[in-house]
């Protein structure tokens, strides 16, 4: 059997950037965990530091699993956005909302219930 590729994307996971609109969006589907969180970190970090727009939306409505490594990435991105004077809006799925609620970090995030533009 071949060795597992550390950069392999798990089935059902997807990340897409939409920079055509007035606000940049990162749309994620599937599981955000230790394996996939670095991709979210790279995408959000690039949009925030690139300052292509004043508002970045992390659309996590398609996320089915969200662990502490993913939460750490989102919290870091929120802090980074504040330092760059960029607004980061997080649109959570029920799985993401549950982790945010259980950990008590909602006050540190700009959570939006509206995934629309």
PDB file of N, CA and C in Angstrom:
ATOM      1  N   UNK A   1       0.836  -1.191   0.000  1.00  0.00           N
ATOM      2  CA  UNK A   1       0.000   0.000   0.000  1.00  0.00           C
ATOM      3  C   UNK A   1       0.875   1.247   0.000  1.00  0.00           C
ATOM      4  N   UNK A   2       0.490   2.260  -0.761  1.00  0.00           N
ATOM      5  CA  UNK A   2       1.280   3.496  -0.778  1.00  0.00           C
ATOM      6  C   UNK A   2       1.119   4.261   0.527  1.00  0.00           C
ATOM      7  N   UNK A   3       2.127   5.036   0.857  1.00  0.00           N
ATOM      8  CA  UNK A   3       2.074   5.862   2.068  1.00  0.00           C
ATOM      9  C   UNK A   3       0.991   6.920   1.913  1.00  0.00           C
ATOM     10  N   UNK A   4       0.376   7.274   3.010  1.00  0.00           N
ATOM     11  CA  UNK A   4      -0.674   8.301   2.977  1.00  0.00           C
ATOM     12  C   UNK A   4      -0.052   9.652   2.622  1.00  0.00           C
ATOM     13  N   UNK A   5      -0.696  10.351   1.748  1.00  0.00           N
ATOM     14  CA  UNK A   5      -0.238  11.683   1.349  1.00  0.00           C
ATOM     15  C   UNK A   5      -0.729  12.684   2.374  1.00  0.00           C
ATOM     16  N   UNK A   6       0.198  13.380   3.036  1.00  0.00           N
ATOM     17  CA  UNK A   6      -0.195  14.332   4.073  1.00  0.00           C
ATOM     18  C   UNK A   6      -0.984  15.498   3.505  1.00  0.00           C
ATOM     19  N   UNK A   7      -0.865  15.764   2.221  1.00  0.00           N
ATOM     20  CA  UNK A   7      -1.597  16.866   1.614  1.00  0.00           C
ATOM     21  C   UNK A   7      -2.903  16.400   0.972  1.00  0.00           C
ATOM     22  N   UNK A   8      -3.242  15.145   1.186  1.00  0.00           N
ATOM     23  CA  UNK A   8      -4.470  14.617   0.596  1.00  0.00           C
ATOM     24  C   UNK A   8      -5.676  15.313   1.223  1.00  0.00           C
ATOM     25  N   UNK A   9      -6.648  15.593   0.386  1.00  0.00           N
ATOM     26  CA  UNK A   9      -7.875  16.211   0.870  1.00  0.00           C
ATOM     27  C   UNK A   9      -8.884  15.106   1.158  1.00  0.00           C
ATOM     28  N   UNK A  10      -9.456  15.094   2.353  1.00  0.00           N
ATOM     29  CA  UNK A  10     -10.434  14.055   2.686  1.00  0.00           C
ATOM     30  C   UNK A  10     -11.656  14.144   1.790  1.00  0.00           C
ATOM     31  N   UNK A  11     -12.314  13.017   1.553  1.00  0.00           N
ATOM     32  CA  UNK A  11     -13.532  13.032   0.739  1.00  0.00           C
ATOM     33  C   UNK A  11     -14.573  13.967   1.349  1.00  0.00           C
ATOM     34  N   UNK A  12     -15.213  14.756   0.516  1.00  0.00           N
ATOM     35  CA  UNK A  12     -16.257  15.651   0.989  1.00  0.00           C
ATOM     36  C   UNK A  12     -15.758  17.017   1.431  1.00  0.00           C
ATOM     37  N   UNK A  13     -14.430  17.187   1.551  1.00  0.00           N
ATOM     38  CA  UNK A  13     -13.904  18.478   1.963  1.00  0.00           C
ATOM     39  C   UNK A  13     -13.673  19.351   0.741  1.00  0.00           C
ATOM     40  N   UNK A  14     -14.058  20.616   0.882  1.00  0.00           N
ATOM     41  CA  UNK A  14     -13.809  21.556  -0.202  1.00  0.00           C
ATOM     42  C   UNK A  14     -13.636  22.952   0.347  1.00  0.00           C
ATOM     43  N   UNK A  15     -12.803  23.722  -0.330  1.00  0.00           N
ATOM     44  CA  UNK A  15     -12.618  25.117   0.050  1.00  0.00           C
ATOM     45  C   UNK A  15     -12.532  25.923  -1.233  1.00  0.00           C
ATOM     46  N   UNK A  16     -13.330  26.988  -1.284  1.00  0.00           N
ATOM     47  CA  UNK A  16     -13.411  27.785  -2.504  1.00  0.00           C
ATOM     48  C   UNK A  16     -13.336  29.256  -2.142  1.00  0.00           C
ATOM     49  N   UNK A  17     -12.576  30.002  -2.921  1.00  0.00           N
ATOM     50  CA  UNK A  17     -12.475  31.446  -2.717  1.00  0.00           C
ATOM     51  C   UNK A  17     -13.344  32.150  -3.747  1.00  0.00           C
ATOM     52  N   UNK A  18     -14.048  33.164  -3.303  1.00  0.00           N
ATOM     53  CA  UNK A  18     -14.857  34.003  -4.194  1.00  0.00           C
ATOM     54  C   UNK A  18     -14.459  35.445  -3.937  1.00  0.00           C
ATOM     55  N   UNK A  19     -13.677  35.997  -4.846  1.00  0.00           N
ATOM     56  CA  UNK A  19     -13.194  37.368  -4.667  1.00  0.00           C
ATOM     57  C   UNK A  19     -13.807  38.316  -5.690  1.00  0.00           C
ATOM     58  N   UNK A  20     -14.814  37.848  -6.423  1.00  0.00           N
ATOM     59  CA  UNK A  20     -15.417  38.676  -7.461  1.00  0.00           C
ATOM     60  C   UNK A  20     -16.379  39.719  -6.899  1.00  0.00           C
ATOM     61  N   UNK A  21     -16.950  39.441  -5.759  1.00  0.00           N
ATOM     62  CA  UNK A  21     -17.938  40.350  -5.175  1.00  0.00           C
ATOM     63  C   UNK A  21     -17.243  41.471  -4.393  1.00  0.00           C
ATOM     64  N   UNK A  22     -18.038  42.377  -3.841  1.00  0.00           N
ATOM     65  CA  UNK A  22     -17.512  43.497  -3.061  1.00  0.00           C
ATOM     66  C   UNK A  22     -16.802  43.003  -1.803  1.00  0.00           C
ATOM     67  N   UNK A  23     -17.236  41.830  -1.310  1.00  0.00           N
ATOM     68  CA  UNK A  23     -16.591  41.227  -0.154  1.00  0.00           C
ATOM     69  C   UNK A  23     -15.994  39.890  -0.578  1.00  0.00           C
ATOM     70  N   UNK A  24     -14.835  39.585  -0.064  1.00  0.00           N
ATOM     71  CA  UNK A  24     -14.197  38.300  -0.364  1.00  0.00           C
ATOM     72  C   UNK A  24     -14.814  37.228   0.509  1.00  0.00           C
ATOM     73  N   UNK A  25     -14.966  36.024  -0.062  1.00  0.00           N
ATOM     74  CA  UNK A  25     -15.579  34.924   0.674  1.00  0.00           C
ATOM     75  C   UNK A  25     -14.712  33.681   0.595  1.00  0.00           C
ATOM     76  N   UNK A  26     -14.668  32.954   1.704  1.00  0.00           N
ATOM     77  CA  UNK A  26     -14.081  31.629   1.742  1.00  0.00           C
ATOM     78  C   UNK A  26     -15.235  30.698   2.071  1.00  0.00           C
ATOM     79  N   UNK A  27     -15.543  29.781   1.169  1.00  0.00           N
ATOM     80  CA  UNK A  27     -16.654  28.857   1.357  1.00  0.00           C
ATOM     81  C   UNK A  27     -16.074  27.467   1.615  1.00  0.00           C
ATOM     82  N   UNK A  28     -16.408  26.906   2.780  1.00  0.00           N
ATOM     83  CA  UNK A  28     -15.861  25.615   3.178  1.00  0.00           C
ATOM     84  C   UNK A  28     -16.976  24.600   3.326  1.00  0.00           C
ATOM     85  N   UNK A  29     -16.717  23.381   2.840  1.00  0.00           N
ATOM     86  CA  UNK A  29     -17.648  22.274   3.019  1.00  0.00           C
ATOM     87  C   UNK A  29     -16.877  21.078   3.571  1.00  0.00           C
ATOM     88  N   UNK A  30     -17.574  20.251   4.341  1.00  0.00           N
ATOM     89  CA  UNK A  30     -16.955  19.049   4.898  1.00  0.00           C
ATOM     90  C   UNK A  30     -16.411  19.270   6.291  1.00  0.00           C
ATOM     91  N   UNK A  31     -15.378  18.496   6.634  1.00  0.00           N
ATOM     92  CA  UNK A  31     -14.828  18.516   7.984  1.00  0.00           C
ATOM     93  C   UNK A  31     -13.630  19.450   8.088  1.00  0.00           C
ATOM     94  N   UNK A  32     -13.673  20.321   9.088  1.00  0.00           N
ATOM     95  CA  UNK A  32     -12.527  21.186   9.404  1.00  0.00           C
ATOM     96  C   UNK A  32     -11.879  20.625  10.658  1.00  0.00           C
ATOM     97  N   UNK A  33     -10.697  20.061  10.475  1.00  0.00           N
ATOM     98  CA  UNK A  33      -9.984  19.447  11.584  1.00  0.00           C
ATOM     99  C   UNK A  33      -8.494  19.707  11.443  1.00  0.00           C
ATOM    100  N   UNK A  34      -7.689  18.971  12.175  1.00  0.00           N
ATOM    101  CA  UNK A  34      -6.248  19.175  12.165  1.00  0.00           C
ATOM    102  C   UNK A  34      -5.660  19.039  10.759  1.00  0.00           C
ATOM    103  N   UNK A  35      -6.232  18.171   9.944  1.00  0.00           N
ATOM    104  CA  UNK A  35      -5.737  17.949   8.588  1.00  0.00           C
ATOM    105  C   UNK A  35      -6.124  19.072   7.629  1.00  0.00           C
ATOM    106  N   UNK A  36      -7.336  19.592   7.752  1.00  0.00           N
ATOM    107  CA  UNK A  36      -7.841  20.562   6.781  1.00  0.00           C
ATOM    108  C   UNK A  36      -7.768  22.017   7.247  1.00  0.00           C
ATOM    109  N   UNK A  37      -7.629  22.248   8.537  1.00  0.00           N
ATOM    110  CA  UNK A  37      -7.582  23.619   9.057  1.00  0.00           C
ATOM    111  C   UNK A  37      -6.473  24.481   8.442  1.00  0.00           C
ATOM    112  N   UNK A  38      -5.285  23.913   8.152  1.00  0.00           N
ATOM    113  CA  UNK A  38      -4.248  24.752   7.534  1.00  0.00           C
ATOM    114  C   UNK A  38      -4.685  25.365   6.197  1.00  0.00           C
ATOM    115  N   UNK A  39      -5.540  24.683   5.460  1.00  0.00           N
ATOM    116  CA  UNK A  39      -6.036  25.233   4.194  1.00  0.00           C
ATOM    117  C   UNK A  39      -6.927  26.442   4.451  1.00  0.00           C
ATOM    118  N   UNK A  40      -7.739  26.369   5.496  1.00  0.00           N
ATOM    119  CA  UNK A  40      -8.574  27.518   5.862  1.00  0.00           C
ATOM    120  C   UNK A  40      -7.696  28.663   6.328  1.00  0.00           C
ATOM    121  N   UNK A  41      -6.675  28.361   7.118  1.00  0.00           N
ATOM    122  CA  UNK A  41      -5.769  29.395   7.617  1.00  0.00           C
ATOM    123  C   UNK A  41      -5.081  30.112   6.456  1.00  0.00           C
ATOM    124  N   UNK A  42      -4.624  29.356   5.482  1.00  0.00           N
ATOM    125  CA  UNK A  42      -3.955  29.941   4.319  1.00  0.00           C
ATOM    126  C   UNK A  42      -4.912  30.830   3.521  1.00  0.00           C
ATOM    127  N   UNK A  43      -6.129  30.340   3.312  1.00  0.00           N
ATOM    128  CA  UNK A  43      -7.112  31.094   2.524  1.00  0.00           C
ATOM    129  C   UNK A  43      -7.503  32.390   3.233  1.00  0.00           C
ATOM    130  N   UNK A  44      -7.847  32.297   4.508  1.00  0.00           N
ATOM    131  CA  UNK A  44      -8.254  33.497   5.247  1.00  0.00           C
ATOM    132  C   UNK A  44      -7.090  34.472   5.378  1.00  0.00           C
ATOM    133  N   UNK A  45      -5.925  33.963   5.720  1.00  0.00           N
ATOM    134  CA  UNK A  45      -4.752  34.826   5.880  1.00  0.00           C
ATOM    135  C   UNK A  45      -4.421  35.582   4.610  1.00  0.00           C
ATOM    136  N   UNK A  46      -4.523  34.907   3.474  1.00  0.00           N
ATOM    137  CA  UNK A  46      -4.238  35.556   2.196  1.00  0.00           C
ATOM    138  C   UNK A  46      -5.220  36.668   1.878  1.00  0.00           C
ATOM    139  N   UNK A  47      -6.497  36.437   2.154  1.00  0.00           N
ATOM    140  CA  UNK A  47      -7.510  37.461   1.880  1.00  0.00           C
ATOM    141  C   UNK A  47      -7.394  38.641   2.841  1.00  0.00           C
ATOM    142  N   UNK A  48      -7.089  38.343   4.093  1.00  0.00           N
ATOM    143  CA  UNK A  48      -7.004  39.413   5.093  1.00  0.00           C
ATOM    144  C   UNK A  48      -5.773  40.281   4.846  1.00  0.00           C
ATOM    145  N   UNK A  49      -4.628  39.667   4.671  1.00  0.00           N
ATOM    146  CA  UNK A  49      -3.406  40.460   4.484  1.00  0.00           C
ATOM    147  C   UNK A  49      -3.338  41.080   3.102  1.00  0.00           C
ATOM    148  N   UNK A  50      -4.019  40.462   2.125  1.00  0.00           N
ATOM    149  CA  UNK A  50      -4.048  41.024   0.771  1.00  0.00           C
ATOM    150  C   UNK A  50      -4.921  42.256   0.678  1.00  0.00           C
ATOM    151  N   UNK A  51      -5.803  42.415   1.656  1.00  0.00           N
ATOM    152  CA  UNK A  51      -6.710  43.570   1.720  1.00  0.00           C
ATOM    153  C   UNK A  51      -7.401  43.846   0.388  1.00  0.00           C
ATOM    154  N   UNK A  52      -7.808  42.763  -0.293  1.00  0.00           N
ATOM    155  CA  UNK A  52      -8.524  42.943  -1.555  1.00  0.00           C
ATOM    156  C   UNK A  52      -9.917  43.517  -1.314  1.00  0.00           C
ATOM    157  N   UNK A  53     -10.421  43.346  -0.105  1.00  0.00           N
ATOM    158  CA  UNK A  53     -11.694  43.969   0.269  1.00  0.00           C
ATOM    159  C   UNK A  53     -11.653  44.271   1.760  1.00  0.00           C
ATOM    160  N   UNK A  54     -12.546  45.143   2.185  1.00  0.00           N
ATOM    161  CA  UNK A  54     -12.597  45.554   3.597  1.00  0.00           C
ATOM    162  C   UNK A  54     -13.334  44.528   4.449  1.00  0.00           C
ATOM    163  N   UNK A  55     -14.035  43.591   3.786  1.00  0.00           N
ATOM    164  CA  UNK A  55     -14.817  42.589   4.520  1.00  0.00           C
ATOM    165  C   UNK A  55     -14.551  41.209   3.937  1.00  0.00           C
ATOM    166  N   UNK A  56     -14.236  40.264   4.802  1.00  0.00           N
ATOM    167  CA  UNK A  56     -14.018  38.883   4.407  1.00  0.00           C
ATOM    168  C   UNK A  56     -15.057  38.031   5.126  1.00  0.00           C
ATOM    169  N   UNK A  57     -15.718  37.157   4.381  1.00  0.00           N
ATOM    170  CA  UNK A  57     -16.729  36.275   4.952  1.00  0.00           C
ATOM    171  C   UNK A  57     -16.202  34.845   4.934  1.00  0.00           C
ATOM    172  N   UNK A  58     -16.220  34.208   6.093  1.00  0.00           N
ATOM    173  CA  UNK A  58     -15.897  32.787   6.192  1.00  0.00           C
ATOM    174  C   UNK A  58     -17.222  32.043   6.234  1.00  0.00           C
ATOM    175  N   UNK A  59     -17.648  31.527   5.076  1.00  0.00           N
ATOM    176  CA  UNK A  59     -18.927  30.822   4.981  1.00  0.00           C
ATOM    177  C   UNK A  59     -18.685  29.362   5.361  1.00  0.00           C
ATOM    178  N   UNK A  60     -19.058  29.028   6.578  1.00  0.00           N
ATOM    179  CA  UNK A  60     -18.850  27.683   7.110  1.00  0.00           C
ATOM    180  C   UNK A  60     -20.163  26.916   7.201  1.00  0.00           C
ATOM    181  N   UNK A  61     -21.173  27.342   6.447  1.00  0.00           N
ATOM    182  CA  UNK A  61     -22.491  26.710   6.532  1.00  0.00           C
ATOM    183  C   UNK A  61     -22.476  25.262   6.042  1.00  0.00           C
ATOM    184  N   UNK A  62     -21.468  24.895   5.264  1.00  0.00           N
ATOM    185  CA  UNK A  62     -21.368  23.518   4.770  1.00  0.00           C
ATOM    186  C   UNK A  62     -20.428  22.648   5.582  1.00  0.00           C
ATOM    187  N   UNK A  63     -19.955  23.156   6.725  1.00  0.00           N
ATOM    188  CA  UNK A  63     -19.017  22.402   7.565  1.00  0.00           C
ATOM    189  C   UNK A  63     -19.791  21.423   8.444  1.00  0.00           C
ATOM    190  N   UNK A  64     -19.381  20.141   8.388  1.00  0.00           N
ATOM    191  CA  UNK A  64     -20.078  19.084   9.127  1.00  0.00           C
ATOM    192  C   UNK A  64     -19.378  18.709  10.430  1.00  0.00           C
ATOM    193  N   UNK A  65     -18.089  19.051  10.554  1.00  0.00           N
ATOM    194  CA  UNK A  65     -17.323  18.768  11.766  1.00  0.00           C
ATOM    195  C   UNK A  65     -16.339  19.907  11.953  1.00  0.00           C
ATOM    196  N   UNK A  66     -16.183  20.361  13.187  1.00  0.00           N
ATOM    197  CA  UNK A  66     -15.367  21.536  13.486  1.00  0.00           C
ATOM    198  C   UNK A  66     -14.677  21.288  14.817  1.00  0.00           C
ATOM    199  N   UNK A  67     -13.341  21.149  14.795  1.00  0.00           N
ATOM    200  CA  UNK A  67     -12.648  20.846  16.042  1.00  0.00           C
ATOM    201  C   UNK A  67     -11.865  22.044  16.568  1.00  0.00           C
ATOM    202  N   UNK A  68     -11.096  21.811  17.628  1.00  0.00           N
ATOM    203  CA  UNK A  68     -10.381  22.913  18.278  1.00  0.00           C
ATOM    204  C   UNK A  68      -9.309  23.530  17.380  1.00  0.00           C
ATOM    205  N   UNK A  69      -8.710  22.745  16.500  1.00  0.00           N
ATOM    206  CA  UNK A  69      -7.705  23.320  15.599  1.00  0.00           C
ATOM    207  C   UNK A  69      -8.369  24.290  14.618  1.00  0.00           C
ATOM    208  N   UNK A  70      -9.559  23.962  14.163  1.00  0.00           N
ATOM    209  CA  UNK A  70     -10.305  24.853  13.270  1.00  0.00           C
ATOM    210  C   UNK A  70     -10.741  26.110  14.012  1.00  0.00           C
ATOM    211  N   UNK A  71     -11.176  25.949  15.248  1.00  0.00           N
ATOM    212  CA  UNK A  71     -11.572  27.098  16.059  1.00  0.00           C
ATOM    213  C   UNK A  71     -10.384  28.030  16.263  1.00  0.00           C
ATOM    214  N   UNK A  72      -9.222  27.465  16.509  1.00  0.00           N
ATOM    215  CA  UNK A  72      -8.013  28.258  16.686  1.00  0.00           C
ATOM    216  C   UNK A  72      -7.694  29.057  15.419  1.00  0.00           C
ATOM    217  N   UNK A  73      -7.868  28.441  14.265  1.00  0.00           N
ATOM    218  CA  UNK A  73      -7.619  29.138  12.994  1.00  0.00           C
ATOM    219  C   UNK A  73      -8.567  30.325  12.843  1.00  0.00           C
ATOM    220  N   UNK A  74      -9.836  30.126  13.160  1.00  0.00           N
ATOM    221  CA  UNK A  74     -10.825  31.201  13.025  1.00  0.00           C
ATOM    222  C   UNK A  74     -10.529  32.327  14.016  1.00  0.00           C
ATOM    223  N   UNK A  75     -10.173  31.979  15.238  1.00  0.00           N
ATOM    224  CA  UNK A  75      -9.852  33.009  16.234  1.00  0.00           C
ATOM    225  C   UNK A  75      -8.599  33.791  15.831  1.00  0.00           C
ATOM    226  N   UNK A  76      -7.608  33.082  15.314  1.00  0.00           N
ATOM    227  CA  UNK A  76      -6.388  33.754  14.847  1.00  0.00           C
ATOM    228  C   UNK A  76      -6.708  34.694  13.680  1.00  0.00           C
ATOM    229  N   UNK A  77      -7.553  34.227  12.755  1.00  0.00           N
ATOM    230  CA  UNK A  77      -7.939  35.052  11.599  1.00  0.00           C
ATOM    231  C   UNK A  77      -8.702  36.293  12.061  1.00  0.00           C
ATOM    232  N   UNK A  78      -9.544  36.144  13.085  1.00  0.00           N
ATOM    233  CA  UNK A  78     -10.302  37.291  13.612  1.00  0.00           C
ATOM    234  C   UNK A  78      -9.339  38.336  14.178  1.00  0.00           C
ATOM    235  N   UNK A  79      -8.348  37.875  14.914  1.00  0.00           N
ATOM    236  CA  UNK A  79      -7.348  38.780  15.479  1.00  0.00           C
ATOM    237  C   UNK A  79      -6.532  39.454  14.363  1.00  0.00           C
ATOM    238  N   UNK A  80      -6.135  38.661  13.384  1.00  0.00           N
ATOM    239  CA  UNK A  80      -5.368  39.180  12.249  1.00  0.00           C
ATOM    240  C   UNK A  80      -6.182  40.219  11.474  1.00  0.00           C
ATOM    241  N   UNK A  81      -7.468  39.949  11.290  1.00  0.00           N
ATOM    242  CA  UNK A  81      -8.336  40.889  10.577  1.00  0.00           C
ATOM    243  C   UNK A  81      -8.408  42.213  11.327  1.00  0.00           C
ATOM    244  N   UNK A  82      -8.542  42.152  12.644  1.00  0.00           N
ATOM    245  CA  UNK A  82      -8.585  43.368  13.445  1.00  0.00           C
ATOM    246  C   UNK A  82      -7.319  44.193  13.303  1.00  0.00           C
ATOM    247  N   UNK A  83      -6.178  43.502  13.254  1.00  0.00           N
ATOM    248  CA  UNK A  83      -4.895  44.199  13.101  1.00  0.00           C
ATOM    249  C   UNK A  83      -4.760  44.847  11.723  1.00  0.00           C
ATOM    250  N   UNK A  84      -5.413  44.261  10.718  1.00  0.00           N
ATOM    251  CA  UNK A  84      -5.321  44.765   9.345  1.00  0.00           C
ATOM    252  C   UNK A  84      -6.481  45.701   8.992  1.00  0.00           C
ATOM    253  N   UNK A  85      -7.359  45.984   9.962  1.00  0.00           N
ATOM    254  CA  UNK A  85      -8.532  46.823   9.741  1.00  0.00           C
ATOM    255  C   UNK A  85      -9.443  46.247   8.656  1.00  0.00           C
ATOM    256  N   UNK A  86      -9.627  44.935   8.732  1.00  0.00           N
ATOM    257  CA  UNK A  86     -10.518  44.211   7.818  1.00  0.00           C
ATOM    258  C   UNK A  86     -11.576  43.545   8.684  1.00  0.00           C
ATOM    259  N   UNK A  87     -12.828  43.570   8.250  1.00  0.00           N
ATOM    260  CA  UNK A  87     -13.896  42.901   8.994  1.00  0.00           C
ATOM    261  C   UNK A  87     -13.954  41.438   8.563  1.00  0.00           C
ATOM    262  N   UNK A  88     -13.953  40.524   9.525  1.00  0.00           N
ATOM    263  CA  UNK A  88     -14.124  39.099   9.242  1.00  0.00           C
ATOM    264  C   UNK A  88     -15.458  38.666   9.818  1.00  0.00           C
ATOM    265  N   UNK A  89     -16.335  38.178   8.959  1.00  0.00           N
ATOM    266  CA  UNK A  89     -17.636  37.677   9.397  1.00  0.00           C
ATOM    267  C   UNK A  89     -17.646  36.161   9.247  1.00  0.00           C
ATOM    268  N   UNK A  90     -18.021  35.459  10.308  1.00  0.00           N
ATOM    269  CA  UNK A  90     -18.096  34.007  10.306  1.00  0.00           C
ATOM    270  C   UNK A  90     -19.561  33.604  10.224  1.00  0.00           C
ATOM    271  N   UNK A  91     -19.898  32.819   9.200  1.00  0.00           N
ATOM    272  CA  UNK A  91     -21.264  32.315   9.042  1.00  0.00           C
ATOM    273  C   UNK A  91     -21.214  30.817   9.351  1.00  0.00           C
ATOM    274  N   UNK A  92     -21.677  30.416  10.538  1.00  0.00           N
ATOM    275  CA  UNK A  92     -21.494  29.038  10.987  1.00  0.00           C
ATOM    276  C   UNK A  92     -22.583  28.070  10.558  1.00  0.00           C
ATOM    277  N   UNK A  93     -22.186  26.798  10.468  1.00  0.00           N
ATOM    278  CA  UNK A  93     -23.143  25.697  10.349  1.00  0.00           C
ATOM    279  C   UNK A  93     -23.565  25.334  11.773  1.00  0.00           C
ATOM    280  N   UNK A  94     -24.544  24.454  11.925  1.00  0.00           N
ATOM    281  CA  UNK A  94     -24.905  24.024  13.288  1.00  0.00           C
ATOM    282  C   UNK A  94     -23.714  23.415  14.045  1.00  0.00           C
ATOM    283  N   UNK A  95     -22.860  22.656  13.352  1.00  0.00           N
ATOM    284  CA  UNK A  95     -21.692  22.050  14.007  1.00  0.00           C
ATOM    285  C   UNK A  95     -20.725  23.121  14.496  1.00  0.00           C
ATOM    286  N   UNK A  96     -20.520  24.153  13.698  1.00  0.00           N
ATOM    287  CA  UNK A  96     -19.621  25.247  14.072  1.00  0.00           C
ATOM    288  C   UNK A  96     -20.240  26.052  15.213  1.00  0.00           C
ATOM    289  N   UNK A  97     -21.520  26.348  15.106  1.00  0.00           N
ATOM    290  CA  UNK A  97     -22.214  27.107  16.160  1.00  0.00           C
ATOM    291  C   UNK A  97     -22.104  26.401  17.503  1.00  0.00           C
ATOM    292  N   UNK A  98     -22.239  25.092  17.479  1.00  0.00           N
ATOM    293  CA  UNK A  98     -22.180  24.315  18.720  1.00  0.00           C
ATOM    294  C   UNK A  98     -20.814  24.472  19.385  1.00  0.00           C
ATOM    295  N   UNK A  99     -19.736  24.368  18.623  1.00  0.00           N
ATOM    296  CA  UNK A  99     -18.391  24.503  19.190  1.00  0.00           C
ATOM    297  C   UNK A  99     -18.179  25.925  19.717  1.00  0.00           C
ATOM    298  N   UNK A 100     -18.623  26.916  18.954  1.00  0.00           N
ATOM    299  CA  UNK A 100     -18.488  28.310  19.385  1.00  0.00           C
ATOM    300  C   UNK A 100     -19.246  28.531  20.695  1.00  0.00           C
ATOM    301  N   UNK A 101     -20.454  27.965  20.769  1.00  0.00           N
ATOM    302  CA  UNK A 101     -21.277  28.117  21.974  1.00  0.00           C
ATOM    303  C   UNK A 101     -20.654  27.389  23.169  1.00  0.00           C
ATOM    304  N   UNK A 102     -20.206  26.153  22.958  1.00  0.00           N
ATOM    305  CA  UNK A 102     -19.648  25.358  24.051  1.00  0.00           C
ATOM    306  C   UNK A 102     -18.348  25.930  24.600  1.00  0.00           C
ATOM    307  N   UNK A 103     -17.567  26.563  23.739  1.00  0.00           N
ATOM    308  CA  UNK A 103     -16.277  27.097  24.178  1.00  0.00           C
ATOM    309  C   UNK A 103     -16.378  28.519  24.699  1.00  0.00           C
ATOM    310  N   UNK A 104     -17.510  29.169  24.468  1.00  0.00           N
ATOM    311  CA  UNK A 104     -17.712  30.516  24.992  1.00  0.00           C
ATOM    312  C   UNK A 104     -16.897  31.596  24.299  1.00  0.00           C
ATOM    313  N   UNK A 105     -16.556  31.396  23.024  1.00  0.00           N
ATOM    314  CA  UNK A 105     -15.730  32.379  22.313  1.00  0.00           C
ATOM    315  C   UNK A 105     -16.544  33.292  21.395  1.00  0.00           C
ATOM    316  N   UNK A 106     -17.860  33.203  21.462  1.00  0.00           N
ATOM    317  CA  UNK A 106     -18.704  33.998  20.559  1.00  0.00           C
ATOM    318  C   UNK A 106     -18.415  35.489  20.672  1.00  0.00           C
ATOM    319  N   UNK A 107     -18.079  35.951  21.862  1.00  0.00           N
ATOM    320  CA  UNK A 107     -17.812  37.376  22.044  1.00  0.00           C
ATOM    321  C   UNK A 107     -16.543  37.832  21.326  1.00  0.00           C
ATOM    322  N   UNK A 108     -15.706  36.885  20.945  1.00  0.00           N
ATOM    323  CA  UNK A 108     -14.462  37.220  20.242  1.00  0.00           C
ATOM    324  C   UNK A 108     -14.587  37.107  18.729  1.00  0.00           C
ATOM    325  N   UNK A 109     -15.745  36.683  18.259  1.00  0.00           N
ATOM    326  CA  UNK A 109     -15.961  36.480  16.827  1.00  0.00           C
ATOM    327  C   UNK A 109     -17.107  37.337  16.329  1.00  0.00           C
ATOM    328  N   UNK A 110     -17.031  37.717  15.069  1.00  0.00           N
ATOM    329  CA  UNK A 110     -18.141  38.407  14.426  1.00  0.00           C
ATOM    330  C   UNK A 110     -18.951  37.345  13.698  1.00  0.00           C
ATOM    331  N   UNK A 111     -19.959  36.809  14.399  1.00  0.00           N
ATOM    332  CA  UNK A 111     -20.767  35.709  13.853  1.00  0.00           C
ATOM    333  C   UNK A 111     -21.987  36.299  13.164  1.00  0.00           C
ATOM    334  N   UNK A 112     -22.220  35.821  11.949  1.00  0.00           N
ATOM    335  CA  UNK A 112     -23.370  36.268  11.164  1.00  0.00           C
ATOM    336  C   UNK A 112     -24.194  35.057  10.792  1.00  0.00           C
ATOM    337  N   UNK A 113     -25.491  35.197  10.795  1.00  0.00           N
ATOM    338  CA  UNK A 113     -26.358  34.084  10.410  1.00  0.00           C
ATOM    339  C   UNK A 113     -26.734  34.137   8.941  1.00  0.00           C
ATOM    340  N   UNK A 114     -26.298  35.180   8.236  1.00  0.00           N
ATOM    341  CA  UNK A 114     -26.697  35.374   6.855  1.00  0.00           C
ATOM    342  C   UNK A 114     -25.549  35.071   5.897  1.00  0.00           C
ATOM    343  N   UNK A 115     -25.617  33.909   5.191  1.00  0.00           N
ATOM    344  CA  UNK A 115     -24.544  33.576   4.260  1.00  0.00           C
ATOM    345  C   UNK A 115     -24.613  34.356   2.946  1.00  0.00           C
ATOM    346  N   UNK A 116     -25.694  35.062   2.740  1.00  0.00           N
ATOM    347  CA  UNK A 116     -25.868  35.801   1.488  1.00  0.00           C
ATOM    348  C   UNK A 116     -24.930  36.973   1.348  1.00  0.00           C
ATOM    349  N   UNK A 117     -24.832  37.469   0.143  1.00  0.00           N
ATOM    350  CA  UNK A 117     -23.958  38.625  -0.124  1.00  0.00           C
ATOM    351  C   UNK A 117     -24.594  39.815   0.491  1.00  0.00           C
TER     352      UNK A 117
END
